[in-house]
Amino acid sequence: MFHISKHADISALRLTACTRVAYNDRIPVIGASMTPESLSPSASLDAKIKQLGDWRGQMLAKVRDIIHQADPEIIEEWKWVKPTSAGTPVFSHNGIVCTAETYKSVVKMTFAKGALLKDPARLFNSSLEGNVRRAIDIHQGEKINEAALKELIRAAVALNPAGKCKPKAKKA
């Protein structure tokens, strides 16, 4: 296990926060003093779920499982760590598929390219006005249409290019 002190180089912090780790790569014991930047992304998400300890933690765990059922090759990342924010759990496959965040009264899944996705089950209920993203707000007591959510996740994965980056077109 590794730990980054408060005196660590910022590039090391950025590397740690964005390191890609497979779903089953867990750190078994998560201490209360550990922060997202000192854990693997999967362990950070485990800690977040445990820390919440209410319906939001249960829903976040359920959403995470649905995401991995929809695409077993999805990668958990922890991005956008700042002094004022612990960061955001991100699910990626050849690019960002979605984020999963918790707020006081909602668990929010934001799809990076959601505006390009067909949503016949009308799961998207937030961030509908934008040209790129779409979100699903899940409130306490709501049930998830798991089949429709899995299809949405698979469609979002399909939008990402097969390689890490697209080759740039050459100027004539």
N, C-alpha and C. Protein backbone atom coordinates (compact mmCIF):
# COMPACT_ATOMS: atom_id res chain seq x y z
N MET A 1 0.85 -1.17 0.00
CA MET A 1 0.00 0.00 0.00
C MET A 1 0.89 1.23 0.00
N PHE A 2 0.37 2.35 -0.48
CA PHE A 2 1.13 3.57 -0.56
C PHE A 2 0.35 4.70 0.10
N HIS A 3 1.06 5.74 0.44
CA HIS A 3 0.43 6.91 1.04
C HIS A 3 1.14 8.14 0.53
N ILE A 4 0.40 9.17 0.24
CA ILE A 4 0.99 10.42 -0.21
C ILE A 4 0.86 11.43 0.91
N SER A 5 1.96 11.98 1.34
CA SER A 5 1.93 12.97 2.41
C SER A 5 1.44 14.30 1.87
N LYS A 6 1.15 15.21 2.77
CA LYS A 6 0.69 16.52 2.33
C LYS A 6 1.78 17.30 1.63
N HIS A 7 3.03 16.83 1.75
CA HIS A 7 4.15 17.48 1.10
C HIS A 7 4.51 16.84 -0.23
N ALA A 8 3.73 15.88 -0.67
CA ALA A 8 4.03 15.15 -1.91
C ALA A 8 3.91 16.06 -3.12
N ASP A 9 4.65 15.72 -4.12
CA ASP A 9 4.59 16.44 -5.39
C ASP A 9 3.19 16.31 -5.98
N ILE A 10 2.64 17.40 -6.48
CA ILE A 10 1.27 17.40 -7.02
C ILE A 10 1.13 16.42 -8.18
N SER A 11 2.18 16.23 -8.97
CA SER A 11 2.08 15.28 -10.08
C SER A 11 1.91 13.86 -9.55
N ALA A 12 2.52 13.57 -8.42
CA ALA A 12 2.35 12.24 -7.81
C ALA A 12 0.91 12.07 -7.33
N LEU A 13 0.34 13.13 -6.78
CA LEU A 13 -1.05 13.09 -6.34
C LEU A 13 -1.97 12.85 -7.52
N ARG A 14 -1.74 13.56 -8.62
CA ARG A 14 -2.55 13.41 -9.81
C ARG A 14 -2.44 11.99 -10.34
N LEU A 15 -1.23 11.44 -10.36
CA LEU A 15 -1.02 10.07 -10.83
C LEU A 15 -1.79 9.09 -9.97
N THR A 16 -1.73 9.27 -8.65
CA THR A 16 -2.42 8.36 -7.74
C THR A 16 -3.92 8.45 -7.92
N ALA A 17 -4.44 9.65 -8.05
CA ALA A 17 -5.89 9.84 -8.13
C ALA A 17 -6.45 9.28 -9.43
N CYS A 18 -5.66 9.21 -10.47
CA CYS A 18 -6.17 8.77 -11.76
C CYS A 18 -5.65 7.39 -12.17
N THR A 19 -4.94 6.72 -11.28
CA THR A 19 -4.41 5.40 -11.61
C THR A 19 -5.57 4.45 -11.89
N ARG A 20 -5.46 3.70 -12.95
CA ARG A 20 -6.53 2.76 -13.30
C ARG A 20 -6.34 1.45 -12.55
N VAL A 21 -7.41 1.01 -11.93
CA VAL A 21 -7.36 -0.22 -11.15
C VAL A 21 -8.61 -1.03 -11.47
N ALA A 22 -8.43 -2.32 -11.68
CA ALA A 22 -9.57 -3.19 -11.98
C ALA A 22 -10.47 -3.31 -10.76
N TYR A 23 -11.72 -3.66 -10.98
CA TYR A 23 -12.75 -3.74 -9.95
C TYR A 23 -12.35 -4.63 -8.78
N ASN A 24 -11.71 -5.75 -9.03
CA ASN A 24 -11.39 -6.69 -7.97
C ASN A 24 -10.10 -6.37 -7.24
N ASP A 25 -9.41 -5.31 -7.61
CA ASP A 25 -8.18 -4.90 -6.94
C ASP A 25 -8.55 -4.06 -5.73
N ARG A 26 -8.69 -4.69 -4.60
CA ARG A 26 -9.15 -4.01 -3.39
C ARG A 26 -8.06 -4.03 -2.32
N ILE A 27 -8.04 -3.01 -1.51
CA ILE A 27 -7.22 -3.00 -0.31
C ILE A 27 -8.15 -3.46 0.80
N PRO A 28 -7.83 -4.60 1.46
CA PRO A 28 -8.78 -5.21 2.38
C PRO A 28 -9.16 -4.37 3.60
N VAL A 29 -8.23 -3.63 4.18
CA VAL A 29 -8.53 -2.86 5.38
C VAL A 29 -8.44 -1.39 5.06
N ILE A 30 -9.53 -0.69 5.27
CA ILE A 30 -9.58 0.73 4.97
C ILE A 30 -9.70 1.48 6.30
N GLY A 31 -8.65 2.17 6.67
CA GLY A 31 -8.64 2.91 7.92
C GLY A 31 -9.39 4.23 7.79
N ALA A 32 -9.88 4.73 8.90
CA ALA A 32 -10.66 5.97 8.89
C ALA A 32 -9.81 7.16 8.47
N SER A 33 -8.50 7.09 8.69
CA SER A 33 -7.65 8.23 8.36
C SER A 33 -7.21 8.25 6.90
N MET A 34 -7.54 7.22 6.16
CA MET A 34 -7.13 7.16 4.75
C MET A 34 -8.00 8.08 3.92
N THR A 35 -7.40 8.68 2.92
CA THR A 35 -8.11 9.57 2.03
C THR A 35 -8.11 8.97 0.64
N PRO A 36 -8.98 9.42 -0.26
CA PRO A 36 -9.03 8.85 -1.61
C PRO A 36 -7.68 8.84 -2.31
N GLU A 37 -6.84 9.88 -2.07
CA GLU A 37 -5.57 9.89 -2.77
C GLU A 37 -4.57 8.88 -2.20
N SER A 38 -4.86 8.28 -1.04
CA SER A 38 -3.95 7.29 -0.49
C SER A 38 -4.42 5.86 -0.74
N LEU A 39 -5.52 5.69 -1.45
CA LEU A 39 -6.09 4.37 -1.73
C LEU A 39 -6.19 4.14 -3.24
N SER A 40 -6.36 2.88 -3.61
CA SER A 40 -6.67 2.59 -5.00
C SER A 40 -8.07 3.16 -5.28
N PRO A 41 -8.40 3.42 -6.54
CA PRO A 41 -9.75 3.93 -6.83
C PRO A 41 -10.86 3.02 -6.31
N SER A 42 -10.70 1.71 -6.46
CA SER A 42 -11.73 0.79 -5.99
C SER A 42 -11.86 0.83 -4.47
N ALA A 43 -10.72 0.91 -3.79
CA ALA A 43 -10.76 1.00 -2.33
C ALA A 43 -11.34 2.33 -1.89
N SER A 44 -11.09 3.39 -2.63
CA SER A 44 -11.69 4.69 -2.32
C SER A 44 -13.20 4.62 -2.42
N LEU A 45 -13.70 3.93 -3.44
CA LEU A 45 -15.14 3.78 -3.60
C LEU A 45 -15.72 2.90 -2.49
N ASP A 46 -15.00 1.85 -2.12
CA ASP A 46 -15.42 1.02 -0.98
C ASP A 46 -15.56 1.88 0.28
N ALA A 47 -14.54 2.73 0.51
CA ALA A 47 -14.54 3.59 1.69
C ALA A 47 -15.70 4.58 1.65
N LYS A 48 -15.97 5.13 0.48
CA LYS A 48 -17.08 6.08 0.32
C LYS A 48 -18.41 5.41 0.65
N ILE A 49 -18.61 4.21 0.13
CA ILE A 49 -19.84 3.46 0.39
C ILE A 49 -19.99 3.20 1.89
N LYS A 50 -18.91 2.77 2.52
CA LYS A 50 -18.94 2.47 3.95
C LYS A 50 -19.17 3.74 4.76
N GLN A 51 -18.52 4.83 4.38
CA GLN A 51 -18.64 6.11 5.08
C GLN A 51 -20.08 6.63 5.04
N LEU A 52 -20.75 6.50 3.92
CA LEU A 52 -22.12 6.99 3.80
C LEU A 52 -23.04 6.27 4.79
N GLY A 53 -22.96 4.94 4.83
CA GLY A 53 -23.69 4.16 5.81
C GLY A 53 -25.21 4.30 5.80
N ASP A 54 -25.77 4.79 4.71
CA ASP A 54 -27.23 4.92 4.63
C ASP A 54 -27.70 4.45 3.26
N TRP A 55 -28.90 4.83 2.87
CA TRP A 55 -29.46 4.37 1.60
C TRP A 55 -28.58 4.78 0.42
N ARG A 56 -27.89 5.93 0.53
CA ARG A 56 -27.03 6.39 -0.57
C ARG A 56 -25.85 5.44 -0.77
N GLY A 57 -25.28 4.95 0.30
CA GLY A 57 -24.20 3.98 0.20
C GLY A 57 -24.68 2.68 -0.42
N GLN A 58 -25.86 2.23 0.00
CA GLN A 58 -26.44 1.01 -0.57
C GLN A 58 -26.72 1.19 -2.06
N MET A 59 -27.26 2.35 -2.44
CA MET A 59 -27.59 2.61 -3.84
C MET A 59 -26.31 2.74 -4.67
N LEU A 60 -25.30 3.41 -4.13
CA LEU A 60 -24.03 3.54 -4.83
C LEU A 60 -23.41 2.16 -5.07
N ALA A 61 -23.48 1.29 -4.08
CA ALA A 61 -22.97 -0.08 -4.24
C ALA A 61 -23.76 -0.84 -5.30
N LYS A 62 -25.08 -0.65 -5.33
CA LYS A 62 -25.92 -1.32 -6.31
C LYS A 62 -25.61 -0.82 -7.73
N VAL A 63 -25.49 0.50 -7.87
CA VAL A 63 -25.17 1.10 -9.17
C VAL A 63 -23.82 0.57 -9.66
N ARG A 64 -22.86 0.52 -8.76
CA ARG A 64 -21.53 0.00 -9.11
C ARG A 64 -21.63 -1.42 -9.62
N ASP A 65 -22.38 -2.26 -8.93
CA ASP A 65 -22.54 -3.66 -9.37
C ASP A 65 -23.23 -3.74 -10.73
N ILE A 66 -24.24 -2.94 -10.96
CA ILE A 66 -24.93 -2.93 -12.26
C ILE A 66 -23.96 -2.52 -13.36
N ILE A 67 -23.15 -1.52 -13.10
CA ILE A 67 -22.17 -1.06 -14.09
C ILE A 67 -21.23 -2.21 -14.46
N HIS A 68 -20.73 -2.92 -13.46
CA HIS A 68 -19.80 -4.02 -13.73
C HIS A 68 -20.48 -5.23 -14.37
N GLN A 69 -21.76 -5.44 -14.09
CA GLN A 69 -22.50 -6.49 -14.77
C GLN A 69 -22.69 -6.13 -16.24
N ALA A 70 -22.94 -4.87 -16.51
CA ALA A 70 -23.15 -4.42 -17.89
C ALA A 70 -21.86 -4.52 -18.70
N ASP A 71 -20.73 -4.22 -18.07
CA ASP A 71 -19.43 -4.27 -18.75
C ASP A 71 -18.36 -4.72 -17.77
N PRO A 72 -18.04 -6.02 -17.76
CA PRO A 72 -17.03 -6.54 -16.83
C PRO A 72 -15.64 -5.92 -17.03
N GLU A 73 -15.41 -5.28 -18.17
CA GLU A 73 -14.10 -4.68 -18.43
C GLU A 73 -14.02 -3.21 -18.01
N ILE A 74 -15.08 -2.72 -17.39
CA ILE A 74 -15.09 -1.32 -16.95
C ILE A 74 -13.99 -1.12 -15.91
N ILE A 75 -13.43 0.05 -15.89
CA ILE A 75 -12.34 0.38 -14.96
C ILE A 75 -12.83 1.47 -14.02
N GLU A 76 -12.54 1.30 -12.74
CA GLU A 76 -12.87 2.32 -11.76
C GLU A 76 -11.69 3.27 -11.62
N GLU A 77 -12.00 4.56 -11.65
CA GLU A 77 -10.98 5.58 -11.48
C GLU A 77 -11.48 6.58 -10.43
N TRP A 78 -10.56 7.38 -9.92
CA TRP A 78 -10.92 8.44 -8.99
C TRP A 78 -10.28 9.70 -9.54
N LYS A 79 -11.11 10.64 -10.00
CA LYS A 79 -10.59 11.82 -10.69
C LYS A 79 -11.01 13.11 -10.00
N TRP A 80 -10.34 14.17 -10.43
CA TRP A 80 -10.66 15.54 -10.04
C TRP A 80 -10.51 15.77 -8.54
N VAL A 81 -9.47 15.20 -7.94
CA VAL A 81 -9.16 15.43 -6.54
C VAL A 81 -8.55 16.82 -6.40
N LYS A 82 -9.09 17.62 -5.47
CA LYS A 82 -8.59 18.97 -5.21
C LYS A 82 -8.55 19.18 -3.71
N PRO A 83 -7.88 20.21 -3.26
CA PRO A 83 -7.88 20.47 -1.82
C PRO A 83 -9.29 20.67 -1.26
N THR A 84 -10.21 21.14 -2.08
CA THR A 84 -11.58 21.39 -1.63
C THR A 84 -12.55 20.25 -1.95
N SER A 85 -12.06 19.19 -2.62
CA SER A 85 -12.92 18.09 -3.02
C SER A 85 -12.17 16.77 -2.95
N ALA A 86 -12.81 15.76 -2.42
CA ALA A 86 -12.20 14.44 -2.32
C ALA A 86 -12.13 13.74 -3.67
N GLY A 87 -12.75 14.31 -4.69
CA GLY A 87 -12.73 13.71 -6.02
C GLY A 87 -14.04 13.02 -6.36
N THR A 88 -14.03 12.40 -7.52
CA THR A 88 -15.25 11.80 -8.06
C THR A 88 -14.98 10.39 -8.56
N PRO A 89 -15.82 9.43 -8.19
CA PRO A 89 -15.69 8.08 -8.75
C PRO A 89 -16.10 8.11 -10.23
N VAL A 90 -15.24 7.54 -11.08
CA VAL A 90 -15.45 7.54 -12.52
C VAL A 90 -15.35 6.10 -13.02
N PHE A 91 -16.25 5.75 -13.92
CA PHE A 91 -16.22 4.42 -14.56
C PHE A 91 -15.85 4.62 -16.02
N SER A 92 -14.77 3.95 -16.44
CA SER A 92 -14.24 4.15 -17.79
C SER A 92 -14.05 2.86 -18.55
N HIS A 93 -14.14 2.96 -19.85
CA HIS A 93 -13.78 1.89 -20.78
C HIS A 93 -13.43 2.60 -22.09
N ASN A 94 -12.14 2.73 -22.34
CA ASN A 94 -11.64 3.50 -23.49
C ASN A 94 -12.11 4.94 -23.44
N GLY A 95 -12.27 5.46 -22.26
CA GLY A 95 -12.76 6.82 -22.04
C GLY A 95 -13.83 6.79 -20.96
N ILE A 96 -14.23 7.95 -20.51
CA ILE A 96 -15.22 8.03 -19.44
C ILE A 96 -16.58 7.55 -19.94
N VAL A 97 -17.19 6.66 -19.17
CA VAL A 97 -18.54 6.19 -19.44
C VAL A 97 -19.51 7.00 -18.58
N CYS A 98 -19.27 6.98 -17.25
CA CYS A 98 -20.12 7.75 -16.35
C CYS A 98 -19.41 7.99 -15.03
N THR A 99 -19.98 8.90 -14.25
CA THR A 99 -19.54 9.12 -12.88
C THR A 99 -20.68 8.68 -11.97
N ALA A 100 -20.36 8.48 -10.71
CA ALA A 100 -21.38 8.13 -9.72
C ALA A 100 -21.11 8.96 -8.48
N GLU A 101 -21.95 9.93 -8.23
CA GLU A 101 -21.75 10.84 -7.12
C GLU A 101 -22.93 10.77 -6.16
N THR A 102 -22.66 11.15 -4.93
CA THR A 102 -23.73 11.18 -3.93
C THR A 102 -23.89 12.59 -3.40
N TYR A 103 -25.13 12.97 -3.22
CA TYR A 103 -25.49 14.25 -2.64
C TYR A 103 -26.42 13.98 -1.48
N LYS A 104 -26.88 15.03 -0.81
CA LYS A 104 -27.71 14.86 0.38
C LYS A 104 -28.96 14.02 0.12
N SER A 105 -29.61 14.26 -1.02
CA SER A 105 -30.88 13.57 -1.27
C SER A 105 -30.90 12.77 -2.56
N VAL A 106 -29.73 12.53 -3.17
CA VAL A 106 -29.72 11.84 -4.46
C VAL A 106 -28.39 11.14 -4.70
N VAL A 107 -28.46 10.04 -5.43
CA VAL A 107 -27.28 9.42 -6.02
C VAL A 107 -27.38 9.73 -7.50
N LYS A 108 -26.33 10.35 -8.04
CA LYS A 108 -26.37 10.84 -9.42
C LYS A 108 -25.37 10.09 -10.28
N MET A 109 -25.87 9.56 -11.39
CA MET A 109 -25.01 8.96 -12.42
C MET A 109 -25.00 9.94 -13.59
N THR A 110 -23.82 10.42 -13.93
CA THR A 110 -23.71 11.35 -15.05
C THR A 110 -22.96 10.66 -16.18
N PHE A 111 -23.59 10.61 -17.35
CA PHE A 111 -23.00 9.98 -18.52
C PHE A 111 -22.30 11.06 -19.35
N ALA A 112 -21.00 10.86 -19.58
CA ALA A 112 -20.18 11.86 -20.26
C ALA A 112 -20.72 12.22 -21.64
N LYS A 113 -21.22 11.25 -22.37
CA LYS A 113 -21.75 11.49 -23.73
C LYS A 113 -23.24 11.15 -23.79
N GLY A 114 -23.92 11.42 -22.69
CA GLY A 114 -25.32 11.04 -22.55
C GLY A 114 -26.25 11.62 -23.60
N ALA A 115 -25.95 12.82 -24.10
CA ALA A 115 -26.83 13.45 -25.10
C ALA A 115 -26.84 12.67 -26.41
N LEU A 116 -25.82 11.84 -26.62
CA LEU A 116 -25.75 11.04 -27.84
C LEU A 116 -26.45 9.68 -27.71
N LEU A 117 -26.88 9.35 -26.50
CA LEU A 117 -27.47 8.04 -26.24
C LEU A 117 -28.98 8.05 -26.41
N LYS A 118 -29.49 6.98 -26.99
CA LYS A 118 -30.95 6.78 -27.03
C LYS A 118 -31.36 6.26 -25.66
N ASP A 119 -32.44 6.78 -25.16
CA ASP A 119 -32.93 6.43 -23.83
C ASP A 119 -34.42 6.09 -23.88
N PRO A 120 -34.76 4.96 -24.51
CA PRO A 120 -36.18 4.61 -24.66
C PRO A 120 -36.90 4.41 -23.33
N ALA A 121 -36.17 4.00 -22.29
CA ALA A 121 -36.79 3.79 -20.98
C ALA A 121 -36.90 5.09 -20.18
N ARG A 122 -36.39 6.18 -20.74
CA ARG A 122 -36.44 7.50 -20.12
C ARG A 122 -35.81 7.51 -18.71
N LEU A 123 -34.61 6.93 -18.63
CA LEU A 123 -33.89 6.93 -17.36
C LEU A 123 -33.31 8.31 -17.04
N PHE A 124 -32.86 9.03 -18.08
CA PHE A 124 -32.28 10.35 -17.86
C PHE A 124 -33.36 11.29 -17.33
N ASN A 125 -33.07 11.91 -16.18
CA ASN A 125 -34.03 12.81 -15.58
C ASN A 125 -33.37 14.08 -15.04
N SER A 126 -32.08 14.28 -15.41
CA SER A 126 -31.35 15.43 -14.92
C SER A 126 -30.31 15.85 -15.97
N SER A 127 -29.89 17.09 -15.92
CA SER A 127 -28.92 17.64 -16.89
C SER A 127 -29.41 17.44 -18.32
N LEU A 128 -30.69 17.63 -18.53
CA LEU A 128 -31.30 17.40 -19.84
C LEU A 128 -31.08 18.55 -20.82
N GLU A 129 -30.69 19.70 -20.30
CA GLU A 129 -30.58 20.89 -21.14
C GLU A 129 -29.25 20.98 -21.88
N GLY A 130 -28.25 20.21 -21.47
CA GLY A 130 -26.92 20.32 -22.08
C GLY A 130 -26.81 19.62 -23.43
N ASN A 131 -25.72 19.91 -24.12
CA ASN A 131 -25.47 19.31 -25.43
C ASN A 131 -24.62 18.05 -25.36
N VAL A 132 -24.09 17.73 -24.19
CA VAL A 132 -23.16 16.60 -24.09
C VAL A 132 -23.61 15.60 -23.01
N ARG A 133 -23.68 16.05 -21.78
CA ARG A 133 -23.95 15.14 -20.67
C ARG A 133 -25.44 14.93 -20.44
N ARG A 134 -25.74 13.82 -19.79
CA ARG A 134 -27.08 13.54 -19.27
C ARG A 134 -26.88 12.81 -17.95
N ALA A 135 -27.83 12.96 -17.04
CA ALA A 135 -27.69 12.34 -15.73
C ALA A 135 -28.97 11.64 -15.31
N ILE A 136 -28.77 10.72 -14.38
CA ILE A 136 -29.87 10.02 -13.74
C ILE A 136 -29.78 10.31 -12.25
N ASP A 137 -30.79 10.96 -11.71
CA ASP A 137 -30.87 11.19 -10.27
C ASP A 137 -31.72 10.09 -9.66
N ILE A 138 -31.15 9.39 -8.69
CA ILE A 138 -31.86 8.31 -8.01
C ILE A 138 -32.13 8.76 -6.58
N HIS A 139 -33.41 8.84 -6.23
CA HIS A 139 -33.82 9.28 -4.90
C HIS A 139 -34.10 8.08 -4.00
N GLN A 140 -34.12 8.33 -2.72
CA GLN A 140 -34.38 7.28 -1.75
C GLN A 140 -35.70 6.58 -2.05
N GLY A 141 -35.68 5.25 -2.05
CA GLY A 141 -36.88 4.45 -2.28
C GLY A 141 -37.17 4.14 -3.73
N GLU A 142 -36.48 4.81 -4.65
CA GLU A 142 -36.71 4.54 -6.08
C GLU A 142 -36.06 3.23 -6.48
N LYS A 143 -36.72 2.54 -7.39
CA LYS A 143 -36.17 1.30 -7.93
C LYS A 143 -35.50 1.61 -9.26
N ILE A 144 -34.43 0.87 -9.53
CA ILE A 144 -33.68 1.06 -10.77
C ILE A 144 -34.17 0.05 -11.80
N ASN A 145 -34.41 0.50 -13.02
CA ASN A 145 -34.69 -0.41 -14.12
C ASN A 145 -33.34 -0.95 -14.57
N GLU A 146 -32.93 -2.06 -13.96
CA GLU A 146 -31.58 -2.59 -14.17
C GLU A 146 -31.31 -2.95 -15.62
N ALA A 147 -32.26 -3.56 -16.28
CA ALA A 147 -32.06 -3.96 -17.68
C ALA A 147 -31.83 -2.74 -18.56
N ALA A 148 -32.63 -1.71 -18.37
CA ALA A 148 -32.49 -0.48 -19.18
C ALA A 148 -31.17 0.23 -18.85
N LEU A 149 -30.79 0.24 -17.58
CA LEU A 149 -29.54 0.88 -17.19
C LEU A 149 -28.34 0.15 -17.78
N LYS A 150 -28.39 -1.17 -17.78
CA LYS A 150 -27.29 -1.95 -18.38
C LYS A 150 -27.17 -1.64 -19.88
N GLU A 151 -28.29 -1.54 -20.56
CA GLU A 151 -28.26 -1.20 -21.99
C GLU A 151 -27.69 0.20 -22.22
N LEU A 152 -28.05 1.14 -21.36
CA LEU A 152 -27.52 2.49 -21.46
C LEU A 152 -26.00 2.50 -21.26
N ILE A 153 -25.53 1.73 -20.28
CA ILE A 153 -24.09 1.64 -20.01
C ILE A 153 -23.37 1.02 -21.21
N ARG A 154 -23.92 -0.05 -21.74
CA ARG A 154 -23.29 -0.70 -22.92
C ARG A 154 -23.25 0.25 -24.11
N ALA A 155 -24.30 1.02 -24.29
CA ALA A 155 -24.33 1.98 -25.40
C ALA A 155 -23.31 3.10 -25.18
N ALA A 156 -23.14 3.52 -23.93
CA ALA A 156 -22.14 4.55 -23.61
C ALA A 156 -20.73 4.03 -23.86
N VAL A 157 -20.47 2.78 -23.51
CA VAL A 157 -19.16 2.17 -23.78
C VAL A 157 -18.91 2.14 -25.28
N ALA A 158 -19.94 1.79 -26.05
CA ALA A 158 -19.80 1.68 -27.51
C ALA A 158 -19.46 3.03 -28.16
N LEU A 159 -19.81 4.13 -27.51
CA LEU A 159 -19.50 5.45 -28.05
C LEU A 159 -18.01 5.81 -27.94
N ASN A 160 -17.33 5.17 -27.00
CA ASN A 160 -15.91 5.48 -26.81
C ASN A 160 -15.08 4.76 -27.86
N PRO A 161 -14.03 5.41 -28.36
CA PRO A 161 -13.20 4.78 -29.39
C PRO A 161 -12.48 3.56 -28.83
N ALA A 162 -12.10 2.65 -29.72
CA ALA A 162 -11.44 1.41 -29.30
C ALA A 162 -10.06 1.65 -28.73
N GLY A 163 -9.36 2.66 -29.24
CA GLY A 163 -8.01 2.96 -28.76
C GLY A 163 -8.04 4.04 -27.71
N LYS A 164 -6.89 4.32 -27.12
CA LYS A 164 -6.82 5.35 -26.11
C LYS A 164 -7.05 6.75 -26.67
N CYS A 165 -6.61 6.96 -27.89
CA CYS A 165 -6.83 8.28 -28.50
C CYS A 165 -7.00 8.11 -30.00
N LYS A 166 -7.75 9.04 -30.53
CA LYS A 166 -7.96 9.00 -31.98
C LYS A 166 -6.77 9.65 -32.69
N PRO A 167 -6.34 9.10 -33.81
CA PRO A 167 -5.28 9.78 -34.55
C PRO A 167 -5.82 11.08 -35.12
N LYS A 168 -4.99 12.12 -35.08
CA LYS A 168 -5.42 13.42 -35.60
C LYS A 168 -5.28 13.43 -37.10
N ALA A 169 -6.22 14.08 -37.73
CA ALA A 169 -6.18 14.20 -39.19
C ALA A 169 -5.02 15.11 -39.59
N LYS A 170 -4.31 14.75 -40.59
CA LYS A 170 -3.19 15.55 -41.06
C LYS A 170 -3.71 16.68 -41.92
N LYS A 171 -3.12 17.85 -41.73
CA LYS A 171 -3.48 19.00 -42.55
C LYS A 171 -2.76 18.91 -43.89
N ALA A 172 -3.48 19.28 -44.93
CA ALA A 172 -2.89 19.22 -46.28
C ALA A 172 -2.04 20.42 -46.59
